[in-house]
Amino acid sequence: MKIACPSCGNNANLPDDKIPKDKDFSFKCPKCGTSVPVKASAGNAGAADFESNIADMGSDVSMLQAGGGNQALVCIAPSLGRNRIMAGLENVGLKAHVPDTQAQALKNLEYYVYPLVVIDDAFDTDKIITAYMNNMDMFLRRKICLIRLGPGFETGNAMTALNLSANYVIKSQDLEMEDASLVNDVLAVALSEHEQMYAVFNDSMKAVGKA
C-alpha cells in the first residue's frame, strides 16, 4: 500500500503483511524522517480500496495526503496583488491552487498539506479559513508557512504576525506598488524563516527523543 508523507510528499510503499489490521499506527518517512500516522481503516484496505477509504475518512485525509512540496494555496480574489503573488510563487518554484470560494479553500486544506498558504482578509471575509488554520493540529500546522494580507498590516511586522498566528504579514496596498520585486523578496524571506524555524524545532524534538 502506498501512503504519502504529509511533510515531503514522498510515497512510501508499505507491505500489506506488515500493516496492523485493527489499530492505528505510524511509521517514519524513509525520505525525511517525519512520523506518518495511518488510520486503521486505511491499514485494512488493499491497494485497490485505498482511494475509497480516503474518501470515507473526511477531514482526517489531510494526515495522509500531501499537497506536495511545490504547491501553495492562494486565497486572494482576482486582483493585481494576486497576479503578483502568483508570479512570485513561480519565481520560487511553487505552483498555486487558487480557490474561488472560502468553502473550496477549506476543502483544499482538508485534503492537502501545503508548504505555503496565503490568505487575504478581503477573501476570508468571515474568517473561517483563518479559524481553520488556527485550530489545525499542530503536527500539520508546523508544516505550513502562513502569510496573511490585510489593509491595516505593516509588511513584515513580526509582532502583528505573532498576534495573528501567522508567519508573515503583508499590507495589501504594498502588493500594488510599482516595484513588483517586493513580492519576490517577501516570499523568499517568509519561506526561508519558516524553514529555519521548523529545522530548529525538529532538531530540538529529536534531541529529547520526541521525533
C-alpha atoms as a PDB file:
ATOM      1  CA  MET A   1       0.000   0.000   0.000  1.00  0.00           C
ATOM      2  CA  LYS A   2       1.261   3.488  -0.893  1.00  0.00           C
ATOM      3  CA  ILE A   3       0.962   6.324   1.631  1.00  0.00           C
ATOM      4  CA  ALA A   4       2.160   9.905   1.024  1.00  0.00           C
ATOM      5  CA  CYS A   5       4.234  11.627   3.702  1.00  0.00           C
ATOM      6  CA  PRO A   6       2.420  14.843   4.815  1.00  0.00           C
ATOM      7  CA  SER A   7       5.774  16.608   5.179  1.00  0.00           C
ATOM      8  CA  CYS A   8       7.694  15.943   1.960  1.00  0.00           C
ATOM      9  CA  GLY A   9       5.112  14.227  -0.259  1.00  0.00           C
ATOM     10  CA  ASN A  10       7.236  11.108  -0.686  1.00  0.00           C
ATOM     11  CA  ASN A  11       5.184   7.984  -1.453  1.00  0.00           C
ATOM     12  CA  ALA A  12       6.105   5.130   0.876  1.00  0.00           C
ATOM     13  CA  ASN A  13       5.303   1.545  -0.112  1.00  0.00           C
ATOM     14  CA  LEU A  14       4.187  -0.457   2.923  1.00  0.00           C
ATOM     15  CA  PRO A  15       3.988  -4.268   2.623  1.00  0.00           C
ATOM     16  CA  ASP A  16       0.386  -5.317   3.332  1.00  0.00           C
ATOM     17  CA  ASP A  17       1.523  -8.101   5.667  1.00  0.00           C
ATOM     18  CA  LYS A  18       3.336  -5.536   7.868  1.00  0.00           C
ATOM     19  CA  ILE A  19       0.267  -3.319   8.392  1.00  0.00           C
ATOM     20  CA  PRO A  20      -1.732  -3.815  11.624  1.00  0.00           C
ATOM     21  CA  LYS A  21      -5.272  -4.895  10.823  1.00  0.00           C
ATOM     22  CA  ASP A  22      -7.252  -3.373  13.662  1.00  0.00           C
ATOM     23  CA  LYS A  23      -5.441  -0.354  15.080  1.00  0.00           C
ATOM     24  CA  ASP A  24      -3.939   2.979  14.096  1.00  0.00           C
ATOM     25  CA  PHE A  25      -0.191   3.059  13.667  1.00  0.00           C
ATOM     26  CA  SER A  26       2.600   5.285  12.375  1.00  0.00           C
ATOM     27  CA  PHE A  27       5.874   4.906  10.547  1.00  0.00           C
ATOM     28  CA  LYS A  28       8.874   7.111   9.809  1.00  0.00           C
ATOM     29  CA  CYS A  29       9.125   8.514   6.308  1.00  0.00           C
ATOM     30  CA  PRO A  30      12.252   6.995   4.718  1.00  0.00           C
ATOM     31  CA  LYS A  31      12.999  10.291   2.966  1.00  0.00           C
ATOM     32  CA  CYS A  32      12.599  12.973   5.660  1.00  0.00           C
ATOM     33  CA  GLY A  33      12.108  11.009   8.887  1.00  0.00           C
ATOM     34  CA  THR A  34       8.699  12.531   9.704  1.00  0.00           C
ATOM     35  CA  SER A  35       6.337  10.307  11.692  1.00  0.00           C
ATOM     36  CA  VAL A  36       3.404   9.475   9.375  1.00  0.00           C
ATOM     37  CA  PRO A  37       0.139   8.422  11.103  1.00  0.00           C
ATOM     38  CA  VAL A  38      -2.092   5.832   9.413  1.00  0.00           C
ATOM     39  CA  LYS A  39      -5.723   5.143  10.313  1.00  0.00           C
ATOM     40  CA  ALA A  40      -6.774   1.557  10.926  1.00  0.00           C
ATOM     41  CA  SER A  41      -9.405   1.845   8.187  1.00  0.00           C
ATOM     42  CA  ALA A  42      -6.650   2.562   5.668  1.00  0.00           C
ATOM     43  CA  GLY A  43      -4.490  -0.248   7.006  1.00  0.00           C
ATOM     44  CA  ASN A  44      -7.278  -2.781   6.488  1.00  0.00           C
ATOM     45  CA  ALA A  45      -7.630  -1.967   2.815  1.00  0.00           C
ATOM     46  CA  GLY A  46      -5.851  -3.362  -0.161  1.00  0.00           C
ATOM     47  CA  ALA A  47      -4.255  -1.048  -2.689  1.00  0.00           C
ATOM     48  CA  ALA A  48      -7.372  -1.077  -4.886  1.00  0.00           C
ATOM     49  CA  ASP A  49      -9.577   0.100  -1.975  1.00  0.00           C
ATOM     50  CA  PHE A  50      -7.222   2.766  -0.630  1.00  0.00           C
ATOM     51  CA  GLU A  51      -8.808   5.682  -2.524  1.00  0.00           C
ATOM     52  CA  SER A  52     -12.303   4.816  -1.271  1.00  0.00           C
ATOM     53  CA  ASN A  53     -11.012   4.691   2.309  1.00  0.00           C
ATOM     54  CA  ILE A  54      -9.534   8.152   1.864  1.00  0.00           C
ATOM     55  CA  ALA A  55     -12.948   9.463   0.810  1.00  0.00           C
ATOM     56  CA  ASP A  56     -14.578   7.859   3.873  1.00  0.00           C
ATOM     57  CA  MET A  57     -12.090   9.453   6.260  1.00  0.00           C
ATOM     58  CA  GLY A  58     -13.291  13.012   5.641  1.00  0.00           C
ATOM     59  CA  SER A  59     -11.083  15.675   7.277  1.00  0.00           C
ATOM     60  CA  ASP A  60      -8.611  13.050   8.527  1.00  0.00           C
ATOM     61  CA  VAL A  61      -7.403  12.652   4.956  1.00  0.00           C
ATOM     62  CA  SER A  62      -5.098  15.624   5.484  1.00  0.00           C
ATOM     63  CA  MET A  63      -2.943  13.313   7.589  1.00  0.00           C
ATOM     64  CA  LEU A  64      -2.372  11.057   4.581  1.00  0.00           C
ATOM     65  CA  GLN A  65      -2.349  13.315   1.533  1.00  0.00           C
ATOM     66  CA  ALA A  66       0.337  15.896   0.805  1.00  0.00           C
ATOM     67  CA  GLY A  67      -0.226  18.835  -1.489  1.00  0.00           C
ATOM     68  CA  GLY A  68       3.396  18.336  -2.446  1.00  0.00           C
ATOM     69  CA  GLY A  69       6.492  20.349  -1.793  1.00  0.00           C
ATOM     70  CA  ASN A  70       5.881  22.558  -4.827  1.00  0.00           C
ATOM     71  CA  GLN A  71       2.327  23.815  -4.258  1.00  0.00           C
ATOM     72  CA  ALA A  72       0.758  26.757  -2.438  1.00  0.00           C
ATOM     73  CA  LEU A  73      -2.816  27.731  -1.550  1.00  0.00           C
ATOM     74  CA  VAL A  74      -3.611  31.309  -2.605  1.00  0.00           C
ATOM     75  CA  CYS A  75      -6.800  32.693  -1.043  1.00  0.00           C
ATOM     76  CA  ILE A  76      -6.961  36.057  -2.802  1.00  0.00           C
ATOM     77  CA  ALA A  77      -9.699  37.500  -5.014  1.00  0.00           C
ATOM     78  CA  PRO A  78      -8.773  38.392  -8.627  1.00  0.00           C
ATOM     79  CA  SER A  79      -6.573  41.492  -8.468  1.00  0.00           C
ATOM     80  CA  LEU A  80      -3.173  42.903  -9.370  1.00  0.00           C
ATOM     81  CA  GLY A  81      -1.991  41.759  -5.949  1.00  0.00           C
ATOM     82  CA  ARG A  82      -2.980  38.167  -6.673  1.00  0.00           C
ATOM     83  CA  ASN A  83      -1.253  38.300 -10.052  1.00  0.00           C
ATOM     84  CA  ARG A  84       1.945  39.433  -8.387  1.00  0.00           C
ATOM     85  CA  ILE A  85       1.709  36.734  -5.722  1.00  0.00           C
ATOM     86  CA  MET A  86       1.250  34.157  -8.493  1.00  0.00           C
ATOM     87  CA  ALA A  87       4.280  35.476 -10.361  1.00  0.00           C
ATOM     88  CA  GLY A  88       6.291  35.463  -7.137  1.00  0.00           C
ATOM     89  CA  LEU A  89       5.319  31.865  -6.440  1.00  0.00           C
ATOM     90  CA  GLU A  90       6.502  30.871  -9.890  1.00  0.00           C
ATOM     91  CA  ASN A  91       9.844  32.546  -9.194  1.00  0.00           C
ATOM     92  CA  VAL A  92      10.352  30.467  -6.034  1.00  0.00           C
ATOM     93  CA  GLY A  93       9.273  27.268  -7.761  1.00  0.00           C
ATOM     94  CA  LEU A  94       5.756  26.904  -6.356  1.00  0.00           C
ATOM     95  CA  LYS A  95       2.543  26.152  -8.219  1.00  0.00           C
ATOM     96  CA  ALA A  96      -0.678  27.693  -6.945  1.00  0.00           C
ATOM     97  CA  HIS A  97      -4.066  26.264  -6.013  1.00  0.00           C
ATOM     98  CA  VAL A  98      -6.458  29.217  -6.272  1.00  0.00           C
ATOM     99  CA  PRO A  99      -9.909  28.530  -4.760  1.00  0.00           C
ATOM    100  CA  ASP A 100     -12.882  30.587  -5.904  1.00  0.00           C
ATOM    101  CA  THR A 101     -14.680  30.498  -2.532  1.00  0.00           C
ATOM    102  CA  GLN A 102     -13.971  30.090   1.172  1.00  0.00           C
ATOM    103  CA  ALA A 103     -15.701  26.696   1.106  1.00  0.00           C
ATOM    104  CA  GLN A 104     -13.427  25.494  -1.671  1.00  0.00           C
ATOM    105  CA  ALA A 105     -10.375  26.742   0.228  1.00  0.00           C
ATOM    106  CA  LEU A 106     -11.442  24.759   3.307  1.00  0.00           C
ATOM    107  CA  LYS A 107     -11.887  21.605   1.230  1.00  0.00           C
ATOM    108  CA  ASN A 108      -8.396  22.047  -0.206  1.00  0.00           C
ATOM    109  CA  LEU A 109      -6.973  22.420   3.294  1.00  0.00           C
ATOM    110  CA  GLU A 110      -8.755  19.251   4.389  1.00  0.00           C
ATOM    111  CA  TYR A 111      -7.244  17.238   1.555  1.00  0.00           C
ATOM    112  CA  TYR A 112      -3.748  18.701   1.220  1.00  0.00           C
ATOM    113  CA  VAL A 113      -0.821  19.835   3.331  1.00  0.00           C
ATOM    114  CA  TYR A 114       0.602  22.948   1.666  1.00  0.00           C
ATOM    115  CA  PRO A 115       4.077  24.305   2.449  1.00  0.00           C
ATOM    116  CA  LEU A 116       2.673  27.814   1.876  1.00  0.00           C
ATOM    117  CA  VAL A 117      -0.798  29.324   2.417  1.00  0.00           C
ATOM    118  CA  VAL A 118      -1.597  32.959   1.587  1.00  0.00           C
ATOM    119  CA  ILE A 119      -4.846  34.400   2.984  1.00  0.00           C
ATOM    120  CA  ASP A 120      -6.216  37.852   2.158  1.00  0.00           C
ATOM    121  CA  ASP A 121      -8.659  39.293   4.706  1.00  0.00           C
ATOM    122  CA  ALA A 122     -10.723  40.597   1.776  1.00  0.00           C
ATOM    123  CA  PHE A 123     -11.187  36.989   0.580  1.00  0.00           C
ATOM    124  CA  ASP A 124     -11.648  35.390   4.000  1.00  0.00           C
ATOM    125  CA  THR A 125     -14.413  37.813   4.964  1.00  0.00           C
ATOM    126  CA  ASP A 126     -15.946  35.519   7.583  1.00  0.00           C
ATOM    127  CA  LYS A 127     -12.522  34.452   8.906  1.00  0.00           C
ATOM    128  CA  ILE A 128     -13.476  30.794   8.513  1.00  0.00           C
ATOM    129  CA  ILE A 129     -10.230  29.892   6.725  1.00  0.00           C
ATOM    130  CA  THR A 130      -8.216  31.691   9.389  1.00  0.00           C
ATOM    131  CA  ALA A 131     -10.158  29.894  12.140  1.00  0.00           C
ATOM    132  CA  TYR A 132      -9.488  26.554  10.453  1.00  0.00           C
ATOM    133  CA  MET A 133      -5.755  27.304  10.351  1.00  0.00           C
ATOM    134  CA  ASN A 134      -5.731  28.403  13.998  1.00  0.00           C
ATOM    135  CA  ASN A 135      -7.460  25.189  15.096  1.00  0.00           C
ATOM    136  CA  MET A 136      -5.384  22.868  12.927  1.00  0.00           C
ATOM    137  CA  ASP A 137      -3.463  20.052  14.588  1.00  0.00           C
ATOM    138  CA  MET A 138      -0.001  21.422  15.391  1.00  0.00           C
ATOM    139  CA  PHE A 139       1.658  18.434  13.732  1.00  0.00           C
ATOM    140  CA  LEU A 140       0.284  19.761  10.434  1.00  0.00           C
ATOM    141  CA  ARG A 141       0.304  23.493  11.215  1.00  0.00           C
ATOM    142  CA  ARG A 142       4.070  23.460  11.733  1.00  0.00           C
ATOM    143  CA  LYS A 143       4.468  22.270   8.137  1.00  0.00           C
ATOM    144  CA  ILE A 144       2.772  25.378   6.748  1.00  0.00           C
ATOM    145  CA  CYS A 145       4.153  28.857   6.212  1.00  0.00           C
ATOM    146  CA  LEU A 146       1.122  31.141   6.604  1.00  0.00           C
ATOM    147  CA  ILE A 147       1.124  34.628   5.086  1.00  0.00           C
ATOM    148  CA  ARG A 148      -1.739  36.991   5.955  1.00  0.00           C
ATOM    149  CA  LEU A 149      -2.720  40.009   3.836  1.00  0.00           C
ATOM    150  CA  GLY A 150      -4.708  42.988   5.106  1.00  0.00           C
ATOM    151  CA  PRO A 151      -5.045  46.744   4.513  1.00  0.00           C
ATOM    152  CA  GLY A 152      -4.068  47.612   8.079  1.00  0.00           C
ATOM    153  CA  PHE A 153      -0.932  45.469   8.335  1.00  0.00           C
ATOM    154  CA  GLU A 154       2.636  46.708   8.245  1.00  0.00           C
ATOM    155  CA  THR A 155       4.516  44.445   5.857  1.00  0.00           C
ATOM    156  CA  GLY A 156       6.978  42.258   7.728  1.00  0.00           C
ATOM    157  CA  ASN A 157       5.823  43.325  11.235  1.00  0.00           C
ATOM    158  CA  ALA A 158       6.795  40.335  13.393  1.00  0.00           C
ATOM    159  CA  MET A 159       4.563  41.299  16.340  1.00  0.00           C
ATOM    160  CA  THR A 160       1.476  41.536  14.134  1.00  0.00           C
ATOM    161  CA  ALA A 161       2.309  38.180  12.591  1.00  0.00           C
ATOM    162  CA  LEU A 162       2.689  36.646  16.059  1.00  0.00           C
ATOM    163  CA  ASN A 163      -0.654  38.063  17.221  1.00  0.00           C
ATOM    164  CA  LEU A 164      -2.343  36.624  14.118  1.00  0.00           C
ATOM    165  CA  SER A 165      -0.634  33.218  14.481  1.00  0.00           C
ATOM    166  CA  ALA A 166       0.920  33.821  11.067  1.00  0.00           C
ATOM    167  CA  ASN A 167       4.484  33.532   9.827  1.00  0.00           C
ATOM    168  CA  TYR A 168       4.442  36.788   7.867  1.00  0.00           C
ATOM    169  CA  VAL A 169       2.087  39.701   7.169  1.00  0.00           C
ATOM    170  CA  ILE A 170       1.783  41.928   4.100  1.00  0.00           C
ATOM    171  CA  LYS A 171      -0.052  45.216   3.721  1.00  0.00           C
ATOM    172  CA  SER A 172      -2.459  44.678   0.808  1.00  0.00           C
ATOM    173  CA  GLN A 173      -1.665  48.009  -0.790  1.00  0.00           C
ATOM    174  CA  ASP A 174       2.050  47.135  -0.957  1.00  0.00           C
ATOM    175  CA  LEU A 175       1.274  44.395  -3.490  1.00  0.00           C
ATOM    176  CA  GLU A 176       0.073  47.017  -5.957  1.00  0.00           C
ATOM    177  CA  MET A 177       3.134  49.249  -5.751  1.00  0.00           C
ATOM    178  CA  GLU A 178       5.073  49.819  -8.973  1.00  0.00           C
ATOM    179  CA  ASP A 179       8.038  47.831  -7.676  1.00  0.00           C
ATOM    180  CA  ALA A 180       6.837  44.226  -8.034  1.00  0.00           C
ATOM    181  CA  SER A 181      10.117  42.876  -6.601  1.00  0.00           C
ATOM    182  CA  LEU A 182       8.634  43.245  -3.088  1.00  0.00           C
ATOM    183  CA  VAL A 183       6.642  40.040  -3.563  1.00  0.00           C
ATOM    184  CA  ASN A 184       9.693  38.008  -4.556  1.00  0.00           C
ATOM    185  CA  ASP A 185      11.595  39.291  -1.525  1.00  0.00           C
ATOM    186  CA  VAL A 186       8.685  38.668   0.859  1.00  0.00           C
ATOM    187  CA  LEU A 187       8.086  35.104  -0.312  1.00  0.00           C
ATOM    188  CA  ALA A 188      11.769  34.249  -0.177  1.00  0.00           C
ATOM    189  CA  VAL A 189      12.148  35.681   3.338  1.00  0.00           C
ATOM    190  CA  ALA A 190       8.925  34.127   4.686  1.00  0.00           C
ATOM    191  CA  LEU A 191       9.726  30.645   3.364  1.00  0.00           C
ATOM    192  CA  SER A 192      13.338  30.820   4.498  1.00  0.00           C
ATOM    193  CA  GLU A 193      12.432  31.942   8.030  1.00  0.00           C
ATOM    194  CA  HIS A 194       9.773  29.257   8.333  1.00  0.00           C
ATOM    195  CA  GLU A 195      12.158  26.553   7.130  1.00  0.00           C
ATOM    196  CA  GLN A 196      14.827  27.647   9.600  1.00  0.00           C
ATOM    197  CA  MET A 197      12.345  27.792  12.480  1.00  0.00           C
ATOM    198  CA  TYR A 198      10.989  24.342  11.717  1.00  0.00           C
ATOM    199  CA  ALA A 199      14.511  22.918  11.368  1.00  0.00           C
ATOM    200  CA  VAL A 200      15.423  24.215  14.834  1.00  0.00           C
ATOM    201  CA  PHE A 201      12.195  22.848  16.309  1.00  0.00           C
ATOM    202  CA  ASN A 202      12.691  19.473  14.662  1.00  0.00           C
ATOM    203  CA  ASP A 203      16.250  19.232  15.943  1.00  0.00           C
ATOM    204  CA  SER A 204      15.038  20.085  19.444  1.00  0.00           C
ATOM    205  CA  MET A 205      12.359  17.394  19.333  1.00  0.00           C
ATOM    206  CA  LYS A 206      14.899  14.833  18.152  1.00  0.00           C
ATOM    207  CA  ALA A 207      17.243  15.844  20.968  1.00  0.00           C
ATOM    208  CA  VAL A 208      14.580  14.958  23.572  1.00  0.00           C
ATOM    209  CA  GLY A 209      13.527  11.808  21.755  1.00  0.00           C
ATOM    210  CA  LYS A 210      10.125  13.039  20.553  1.00  0.00           C
ATOM    211  CA  ALA A 211      10.772  12.970  16.805  1.00  0.00           C
END
